[in-house]
């Protein structure tokens, strides 16, 4: 799913996650947040979240902050364990 801030300064993307063995995760979602998408040096934040967090964040951004849903991502992104917490 792709969300845009009302002023088109922030873009939030949510992607399904695919493991290297070809299975699609039922738990993890890959999230990217791009700040300053219209500027010369956009900043991107990337992380994995669970589906419950994704649904809560979408609801908050769309209904609370006026974000617009502009696309739905259906192509899974490969899981990269380097992006997970080492805790």
Protein backbone atom coordinates (compact mmCIF):
# COMPACT_ATOMS: atom_id res chain seq x y z
CA UNK A 1 0.00 0.00 0.00
CA UNK A 2 1.26 3.49 -0.77
CA UNK A 3 0.16 6.52 1.25
CA UNK A 4 0.85 10.19 0.51
CA UNK A 5 0.81 13.06 3.00
CA UNK A 6 -1.78 15.73 2.05
CA UNK A 7 1.06 18.12 1.13
CA UNK A 8 2.90 15.35 -0.79
CA UNK A 9 6.01 15.74 1.35
CA UNK A 10 5.95 12.24 2.92
CA UNK A 11 5.36 8.88 1.26
CA UNK A 12 4.74 5.67 3.22
CA UNK A 13 4.94 2.26 1.50
CA UNK A 14 3.96 -1.14 2.87
CA UNK A 15 5.05 -4.33 1.06
CA UNK A 16 4.47 -8.03 1.68
CA UNK A 17 7.63 -9.92 2.69
CA UNK A 18 9.02 -12.95 0.86
CA UNK A 19 11.63 -15.29 2.31
CA UNK A 20 14.46 -16.73 0.22
CA UNK A 21 12.71 -20.11 0.07
CA UNK A 22 9.79 -18.46 -1.75
CA UNK A 23 7.26 -18.38 1.08
CA UNK A 24 5.34 -15.18 1.83
CA UNK A 25 5.35 -14.06 5.45
CA UNK A 26 1.95 -13.95 7.11
CA UNK A 27 3.39 -11.86 9.95
CA UNK A 28 5.91 -9.34 8.59
CA UNK A 29 5.42 -6.25 6.43
CA UNK A 30 8.26 -4.19 4.94
CA UNK A 31 7.67 -0.48 5.56
CA UNK A 32 9.48 2.46 3.99
CA UNK A 33 8.91 6.11 4.84
CA UNK A 34 10.34 8.72 2.47
CA UNK A 35 10.63 12.28 3.76
CA UNK A 36 11.12 15.22 1.40
CA UNK A 37 10.02 13.34 -1.72
CA UNK A 38 9.88 16.58 -3.70
CA UNK A 39 13.29 17.81 -2.55
CA UNK A 40 16.79 17.16 -3.87
CA UNK A 41 17.80 14.78 -1.02
CA UNK A 42 14.92 12.58 0.15
CA UNK A 43 15.49 10.62 3.37
CA UNK A 44 14.27 7.02 3.53
CA UNK A 45 13.54 5.01 6.68
CA UNK A 46 13.14 1.22 6.30
CA UNK A 47 11.95 -1.37 8.78
CA UNK A 48 9.90 -4.51 9.31
CA UNK A 49 6.65 -4.31 11.23
CA UNK A 50 3.89 -6.80 11.96
CA UNK A 51 0.45 -6.67 10.31
CA UNK A 52 -1.25 -5.33 13.43
CA UNK A 53 1.15 -2.36 13.53
CA UNK A 54 0.57 -1.77 9.80
CA UNK A 55 -3.21 -1.68 10.18
CA UNK A 56 -2.97 0.66 13.16
CA UNK A 57 -0.59 2.99 11.33
CA UNK A 58 -2.68 3.07 8.14
CA UNK A 59 -5.79 3.88 10.15
CA UNK A 60 -3.98 6.64 12.05
CA UNK A 61 -2.42 8.22 8.97
CA UNK A 62 -5.53 8.05 6.76
CA UNK A 63 -8.21 8.96 9.31
CA UNK A 64 -6.14 11.05 11.72
CA UNK A 65 -3.75 12.92 9.45
CA UNK A 66 -5.52 12.92 6.08
CA UNK A 67 -3.09 10.72 4.15
CA UNK A 68 -4.31 9.49 0.77
CA UNK A 69 -4.10 5.86 -0.37
CA UNK A 70 -2.72 6.00 -3.92
CA UNK A 71 -1.55 2.45 -4.69
CA UNK A 72 -1.46 -1.14 -3.43
CA UNK A 73 1.85 -3.03 -3.52
CA UNK A 74 1.38 -6.71 -4.25
CA UNK A 75 4.91 -7.71 -5.28
CA UNK A 76 6.70 -9.08 -2.18
CA UNK A 77 10.10 -7.74 -1.17
CA UNK A 78 12.79 -10.21 -0.10
CA UNK A 79 13.43 -10.39 3.63
CA UNK A 80 16.80 -9.02 4.69
CA UNK A 81 17.79 -10.12 8.19
CA UNK A 82 20.30 -7.25 8.35
CA UNK A 83 17.36 -4.85 8.84
CA UNK A 84 16.10 -6.64 11.96
CA UNK A 85 17.02 -5.75 15.50
CA UNK A 86 19.96 -7.66 16.95
CA UNK A 87 18.48 -7.45 20.45
